[in-house]
Amino acid sequence: MKKAILYLLLANLFTACAMFNRKTETKTAETMAAIINNPCPEQGNCTAERLKDKALSLRESEDGREVYVEVIDQKGSYVVHYKYEKTASGKYQDDFHTEELFFQIPAEAFKKEYKDADLQNVFMVFGRQCYCKGFAGNFRVTQGDLQIDHSEEETQVSVRFKAVVPQLFEELNFKVR
């Protein structure tokens, strides 16, 4: 049992590190332009991006509660990524907090709304990395609604959601190019 827990902790650590070390050369000027309409806490930074020809690869933990996320190459789809990152004060080694929201959409232009169980059609995942035992990791989002207006030029997102762990934001509105 201890080996299984140790294995899960190590797998989560390696997955988190791999996620943060994604190659930045895939970010073009198109993915860097974002307009975020909701306020970001003063002690942090909020960003949004959409990654062209990318997809989400999801793998669940044995108990089905936690999800390991990897952004992979895939023609014909986009990954939309919103991220809040607290600015560390430097006083404490564990003074960090990051919250992320990921979902995948097809490249074709559309305007659509997803609600509750339908969120799995876009592989929506909420991630929380912090020193908060039992409340960190990546989790599938199964409660909420997502409205997307997507074209080749930009993607406009309005989302309200509830994760299985505490979260700073329950509602987000942003536009990415």
C-alpha atoms as a PDB file:
ATOM      1  CA  MET A   1       0.000   0.000   0.000  1.00  0.00           C
ATOM      2  CA  LYS A   2       2.818   2.409   0.878  1.00  0.00           C
ATOM      3  CA  LYS A   3       4.523   1.645  -2.434  1.00  0.00           C
ATOM      4  CA  ALA A   4       1.315   2.410  -4.345  1.00  0.00           C
ATOM      5  CA  ILE A   5       0.929   5.760  -2.581  1.00  0.00           C
ATOM      6  CA  LEU A   6       4.588   6.602  -3.180  1.00  0.00           C
ATOM      7  CA  TYR A   7       4.212   5.663  -6.852  1.00  0.00           C
ATOM      8  CA  LEU A   8       1.149   7.927  -7.231  1.00  0.00           C
ATOM      9  CA  LEU A   9       2.937  10.844  -5.545  1.00  0.00           C
ATOM     10  CA  LEU A  10       5.990  10.448  -7.771  1.00  0.00           C
ATOM     11  CA  ALA A  11       3.860  10.102 -10.907  1.00  0.00           C
ATOM     12  CA  ASN A  12       1.965  13.276  -9.982  1.00  0.00           C
ATOM     13  CA  LEU A  13       5.225  15.159  -9.376  1.00  0.00           C
ATOM     14  CA  PHE A  14       6.688  14.102 -12.729  1.00  0.00           C
ATOM     15  CA  THR A  15       3.464  14.969 -14.542  1.00  0.00           C
ATOM     16  CA  ALA A  16       3.309  18.397 -12.903  1.00  0.00           C
ATOM     17  CA  CYS A  17       6.943  19.088 -13.778  1.00  0.00           C
ATOM     18  CA  ALA A  18       6.398  17.996 -17.373  1.00  0.00           C
ATOM     19  CA  MET A  19       3.374  20.281 -17.626  1.00  0.00           C
ATOM     20  CA  PHE A  20       5.320  23.320 -16.421  1.00  0.00           C
ATOM     21  CA  ASN A  21       8.266  22.559 -18.701  1.00  0.00           C
ATOM     22  CA  ARG A  22       6.233  22.540 -21.908  1.00  0.00           C
ATOM     23  CA  LYS A  23       8.182  23.834 -24.856  1.00  0.00           C
ATOM     24  CA  THR A  24       7.546  27.541 -25.239  1.00  0.00           C
ATOM     25  CA  GLU A  25       8.406  27.663 -28.930  1.00  0.00           C
ATOM     26  CA  THR A  26       4.861  26.432 -29.688  1.00  0.00           C
ATOM     27  CA  LYS A  27       3.566  29.788 -28.443  1.00  0.00           C
ATOM     28  CA  THR A  28       3.240  32.099 -31.397  1.00  0.00           C
ATOM     29  CA  ALA A  29       2.064  35.702 -31.429  1.00  0.00           C
ATOM     30  CA  GLU A  30      -1.413  34.272 -32.088  1.00  0.00           C
ATOM     31  CA  THR A  31      -1.426  32.348 -28.792  1.00  0.00           C
ATOM     32  CA  MET A  32      -0.045  35.224 -26.725  1.00  0.00           C
ATOM     33  CA  ALA A  33      -2.858  37.771 -27.311  1.00  0.00           C
ATOM     34  CA  ALA A  34      -5.513  37.591 -24.586  1.00  0.00           C
ATOM     35  CA  ILE A  35      -8.160  39.870 -23.126  1.00  0.00           C
ATOM     36  CA  ILE A  36      -9.213  38.812 -19.633  1.00  0.00           C
ATOM     37  CA  ASN A  37     -12.435  40.436 -18.443  1.00  0.00           C
ATOM     38  CA  ASN A  38     -12.472  39.214 -14.844  1.00  0.00           C
ATOM     39  CA  PRO A  39     -10.235  40.783 -12.168  1.00  0.00           C
ATOM     40  CA  CYS A  40      -7.006  39.047 -11.203  1.00  0.00           C
ATOM     41  CA  PRO A  41      -5.874  39.219  -7.565  1.00  0.00           C
ATOM     42  CA  GLU A  42      -3.188  41.883  -7.023  1.00  0.00           C
ATOM     43  CA  GLN A  43      -0.720  39.359  -5.634  1.00  0.00           C
ATOM     44  CA  GLY A  44      -0.704  37.303  -8.826  1.00  0.00           C
ATOM     45  CA  ASN A  45      -0.783  37.174 -12.598  1.00  0.00           C
ATOM     46  CA  CYS A  46      -3.567  35.840 -14.842  1.00  0.00           C
ATOM     47  CA  THR A  47      -2.926  34.651 -18.396  1.00  0.00           C
ATOM     48  CA  ALA A  48      -4.921  32.924 -21.105  1.00  0.00           C
ATOM     49  CA  GLU A  49      -3.787  31.275 -24.306  1.00  0.00           C
ATOM     50  CA  ARG A  50      -5.004  29.024 -27.043  1.00  0.00           C
ATOM     51  CA  LEU A  51      -2.637  26.530 -28.576  1.00  0.00           C
ATOM     52  CA  LYS A  52      -3.256  25.611 -32.199  1.00  0.00           C
ATOM     53  CA  ASP A  53      -2.915  21.985 -33.347  1.00  0.00           C
ATOM     54  CA  LYS A  54      -2.762  20.757 -29.746  1.00  0.00           C
ATOM     55  CA  ALA A  55      -4.901  18.354 -27.724  1.00  0.00           C
ATOM     56  CA  LEU A  56      -5.222  17.144 -24.143  1.00  0.00           C
ATOM     57  CA  SER A  57      -4.114  13.673 -23.163  1.00  0.00           C
ATOM     58  CA  LEU A  58      -5.803  12.723 -19.876  1.00  0.00           C
ATOM     59  CA  ARG A  59      -5.004   9.816 -17.600  1.00  0.00           C
ATOM     60  CA  GLU A  60      -6.883   9.203 -14.329  1.00  0.00           C
ATOM     61  CA  SER A  61      -5.538   8.031 -10.973  1.00  0.00           C
ATOM     62  CA  GLU A  62      -6.629   4.624  -9.662  1.00  0.00           C
ATOM     63  CA  ASP A  63      -9.370   6.169  -7.506  1.00  0.00           C
ATOM     64  CA  GLY A  64     -10.598   8.246 -10.475  1.00  0.00           C
ATOM     65  CA  ARG A  65     -10.378  11.475  -8.503  1.00  0.00           C
ATOM     66  CA  GLU A  66      -7.229  12.986  -9.973  1.00  0.00           C
ATOM     67  CA  VAL A  67      -6.322  13.530 -13.617  1.00  0.00           C
ATOM     68  CA  TYR A  68      -2.868  13.737 -15.165  1.00  0.00           C
ATOM     69  CA  VAL A  69      -2.810  16.249 -18.023  1.00  0.00           C
ATOM     70  CA  GLU A  70      -0.444  16.414 -20.957  1.00  0.00           C
ATOM     71  CA  VAL A  71      -0.659  18.784 -23.923  1.00  0.00           C
ATOM     72  CA  ILE A  72       0.172  16.868 -27.089  1.00  0.00           C
ATOM     73  CA  ASP A  73       0.390  17.660 -30.816  1.00  0.00           C
ATOM     74  CA  GLN A  74      -2.818  17.012 -32.777  1.00  0.00           C
ATOM     75  CA  LYS A  75      -3.883  18.649 -36.022  1.00  0.00           C
ATOM     76  CA  GLY A  76      -7.395  20.045 -36.147  1.00  0.00           C
ATOM     77  CA  SER A  77      -7.876  21.057 -32.509  1.00  0.00           C
ATOM     78  CA  TYR A  78      -7.016  23.789 -30.024  1.00  0.00           C
ATOM     79  CA  VAL A  79      -6.254  23.697 -26.322  1.00  0.00           C
ATOM     80  CA  VAL A  80      -7.512  26.712 -24.365  1.00  0.00           C
ATOM     81  CA  HIS A  81      -5.590  27.344 -21.143  1.00  0.00           C
ATOM     82  CA  TYR A  82      -6.327  29.890 -18.391  1.00  0.00           C
ATOM     83  CA  LYS A  83      -3.800  30.287 -15.571  1.00  0.00           C
ATOM     84  CA  TYR A  84      -3.571  32.221 -12.309  1.00  0.00           C
ATOM     85  CA  GLU A  85      -0.145  32.229 -10.693  1.00  0.00           C
ATOM     86  CA  LYS A  86       0.453  33.840  -7.302  1.00  0.00           C
ATOM     87  CA  THR A  87       3.607  35.906  -7.047  1.00  0.00           C
ATOM     88  CA  ALA A  88       5.781  34.247  -4.394  1.00  0.00           C
ATOM     89  CA  SER A  89       6.978  36.514  -1.600  1.00  0.00           C
ATOM     90  CA  GLY A  90      10.249  34.602  -1.284  1.00  0.00           C
ATOM     91  CA  LYS A  91       9.856  34.305   2.489  1.00  0.00           C
ATOM     92  CA  TYR A  92       8.757  30.676   2.429  1.00  0.00           C
ATOM     93  CA  GLN A  93       9.813  27.768   0.271  1.00  0.00           C
ATOM     94  CA  ASP A  94       6.217  26.577  -0.114  1.00  0.00           C
ATOM     95  CA  ASP A  95       4.767  30.033  -0.868  1.00  0.00           C
ATOM     96  CA  PHE A  96       3.237  29.196  -4.237  1.00  0.00           C
ATOM     97  CA  HIS A  97      -0.253  28.822  -5.616  1.00  0.00           C
ATOM     98  CA  THR A  98      -1.330  28.167  -9.205  1.00  0.00           C
ATOM     99  CA  GLU A  99      -4.786  27.487 -10.600  1.00  0.00           C
ATOM    100  CA  GLU A 100      -5.375  26.435 -14.207  1.00  0.00           C
ATOM    101  CA  LEU A 101      -8.293  25.569 -16.426  1.00  0.00           C
ATOM    102  CA  PHE A 102      -7.780  23.489 -19.585  1.00  0.00           C
ATOM    103  CA  PHE A 103     -10.151  22.398 -22.304  1.00  0.00           C
ATOM    104  CA  GLN A 104      -9.924  21.186 -25.897  1.00  0.00           C
ATOM    105  CA  ILE A 105     -12.013  22.344 -28.857  1.00  0.00           C
ATOM    106  CA  PRO A 106     -12.093  21.480 -32.570  1.00  0.00           C
ATOM    107  CA  ALA A 107     -10.479  23.874 -35.055  1.00  0.00           C
ATOM    108  CA  GLU A 108     -13.729  24.454 -37.003  1.00  0.00           C
ATOM    109  CA  ALA A 109     -15.574  27.696 -36.222  1.00  0.00           C
ATOM    110  CA  PHE A 110     -18.605  27.293 -33.962  1.00  0.00           C
ATOM    111  CA  LYS A 111     -20.682  28.840 -31.203  1.00  0.00           C
ATOM    112  CA  LYS A 112     -21.746  26.371 -28.549  1.00  0.00           C
ATOM    113  CA  GLU A 113     -22.692  25.894 -24.915  1.00  0.00           C
ATOM    114  CA  TYR A 114     -21.737  22.950 -22.709  1.00  0.00           C
ATOM    115  CA  LYS A 115     -23.368  22.182 -19.358  1.00  0.00           C
ATOM    116  CA  ASP A 116     -22.423  19.750 -16.555  1.00  0.00           C
ATOM    117  CA  ALA A 117     -21.820  16.280 -18.067  1.00  0.00           C
ATOM    118  CA  ASP A 118     -21.366  17.845 -21.531  1.00  0.00           C
ATOM    119  CA  LEU A 119     -18.137  19.442 -20.257  1.00  0.00           C
ATOM    120  CA  GLN A 120     -16.476  16.056 -20.790  1.00  0.00           C
ATOM    121  CA  ASN A 121     -16.915  16.615 -24.550  1.00  0.00           C
ATOM    122  CA  VAL A 122     -14.199  19.293 -24.265  1.00  0.00           C
ATOM    123  CA  PHE A 123     -12.108  17.409 -21.661  1.00  0.00           C
ATOM    124  CA  MET A 124     -12.361  20.295 -19.152  1.00  0.00           C
ATOM    125  CA  VAL A 125      -9.835  19.985 -16.327  1.00  0.00           C
ATOM    126  CA  PHE A 126      -9.155  22.259 -13.332  1.00  0.00           C
ATOM    127  CA  GLY A 127      -5.647  22.193 -11.868  1.00  0.00           C
ATOM    128  CA  ARG A 128      -4.535  23.466  -8.473  1.00  0.00           C
ATOM    129  CA  GLN A 129      -0.882  23.383  -7.406  1.00  0.00           C
ATOM    130  CA  CYS A 130      -0.125  24.614  -3.901  1.00  0.00           C
ATOM    131  CA  TYR A 131       1.008  23.510  -0.484  1.00  0.00           C
ATOM    132  CA  CYS A 132      -2.518  22.433   0.441  1.00  0.00           C
ATOM    133  CA  LYS A 133      -2.488  18.747   1.345  1.00  0.00           C
ATOM    134  CA  GLY A 134      -5.358  16.789  -0.168  1.00  0.00           C
ATOM    135  CA  PHE A 135      -6.527  19.732  -2.289  1.00  0.00           C
ATOM    136  CA  ALA A 136      -3.861  19.899  -5.004  1.00  0.00           C
ATOM    137  CA  GLY A 137      -3.739  18.224  -8.402  1.00  0.00           C
ATOM    138  CA  ASN A 138      -5.797  18.149 -11.590  1.00  0.00           C
ATOM    139  CA  PHE A 139      -9.491  17.295 -11.550  1.00  0.00           C
ATOM    140  CA  ARG A 140     -12.165  16.821 -14.229  1.00  0.00           C
ATOM    141  CA  VAL A 141     -14.830  19.505 -14.167  1.00  0.00           C
ATOM    142  CA  THR A 142     -18.329  18.001 -14.124  1.00  0.00           C
ATOM    143  CA  GLN A 143     -20.381  20.920 -12.777  1.00  0.00           C
ATOM    144  CA  GLY A 144     -20.821  24.203 -14.582  1.00  0.00           C
ATOM    145  CA  ASP A 145     -21.461  25.720 -17.939  1.00  0.00           C
ATOM    146  CA  LEU A 146     -19.149  26.824 -20.719  1.00  0.00           C
ATOM    147  CA  GLN A 147     -20.052  29.129 -23.597  1.00  0.00           C
ATOM    148  CA  ILE A 148     -17.640  29.298 -26.505  1.00  0.00           C
ATOM    149  CA  ASP A 149     -17.661  31.515 -29.567  1.00  0.00           C
ATOM    150  CA  HIS A 150     -14.771  30.161 -31.650  1.00  0.00           C
ATOM    151  CA  SER A 151     -13.360  31.231 -35.004  1.00  0.00           C
ATOM    152  CA  GLU A 152     -10.010  30.927 -36.724  1.00  0.00           C
ATOM    153  CA  GLU A 153      -9.063  34.408 -35.467  1.00  0.00           C
ATOM    154  CA  GLU A 154     -10.101  34.148 -31.797  1.00  0.00           C
ATOM    155  CA  THR A 155     -11.937  32.196 -29.119  1.00  0.00           C
ATOM    156  CA  GLN A 156     -14.248  33.927 -26.651  1.00  0.00           C
ATOM    157  CA  VAL A 157     -14.926  32.009 -23.435  1.00  0.00           C
ATOM    158  CA  SER A 158     -17.443  32.455 -20.643  1.00  0.00           C
ATOM    159  CA  VAL A 159     -17.338  29.732 -17.998  1.00  0.00           C
ATOM    160  CA  ARG A 160     -18.855  29.120 -14.568  1.00  0.00           C
ATOM    161  CA  PHE A 161     -17.725  25.946 -12.851  1.00  0.00           C
ATOM    162  CA  LYS A 162     -17.362  24.134  -9.552  1.00  0.00           C
ATOM    163  CA  ALA A 163     -14.348  21.910  -8.919  1.00  0.00           C
ATOM    164  CA  VAL A 164     -14.106  19.142  -6.308  1.00  0.00           C
ATOM    165  CA  VAL A 165     -11.462  21.192  -4.456  1.00  0.00           C
ATOM    166  CA  PRO A 166     -11.509  24.848  -3.325  1.00  0.00           C
ATOM    167  CA  GLN A 167     -10.893  27.353  -6.106  1.00  0.00           C
ATOM    168  CA  LEU A 168     -10.246  31.099  -6.347  1.00  0.00           C
ATOM    169  CA  PHE A 169     -12.370  31.644  -9.462  1.00  0.00           C
ATOM    170  CA  GLU A 170     -15.794  30.205 -10.161  1.00  0.00           C
ATOM    171  CA  GLU A 171     -16.483  32.420 -13.161  1.00  0.00           C
ATOM    172  CA  LEU A 172     -14.115  33.430 -15.969  1.00  0.00           C
ATOM    173  CA  ASN A 173     -14.592  35.552 -19.088  1.00  0.00           C
ATOM    174  CA  PHE A 174     -11.777  35.938 -21.572  1.00  0.00           C
ATOM    175  CA  LYS A 175     -10.892  36.130 -25.232  1.00  0.00           C
ATOM    176  CA  VAL A 176      -7.766  34.599 -26.787  1.00  0.00           C
ATOM    177  CA  ARG A 177      -6.253  34.934 -30.232  1.00  0.00           C
END
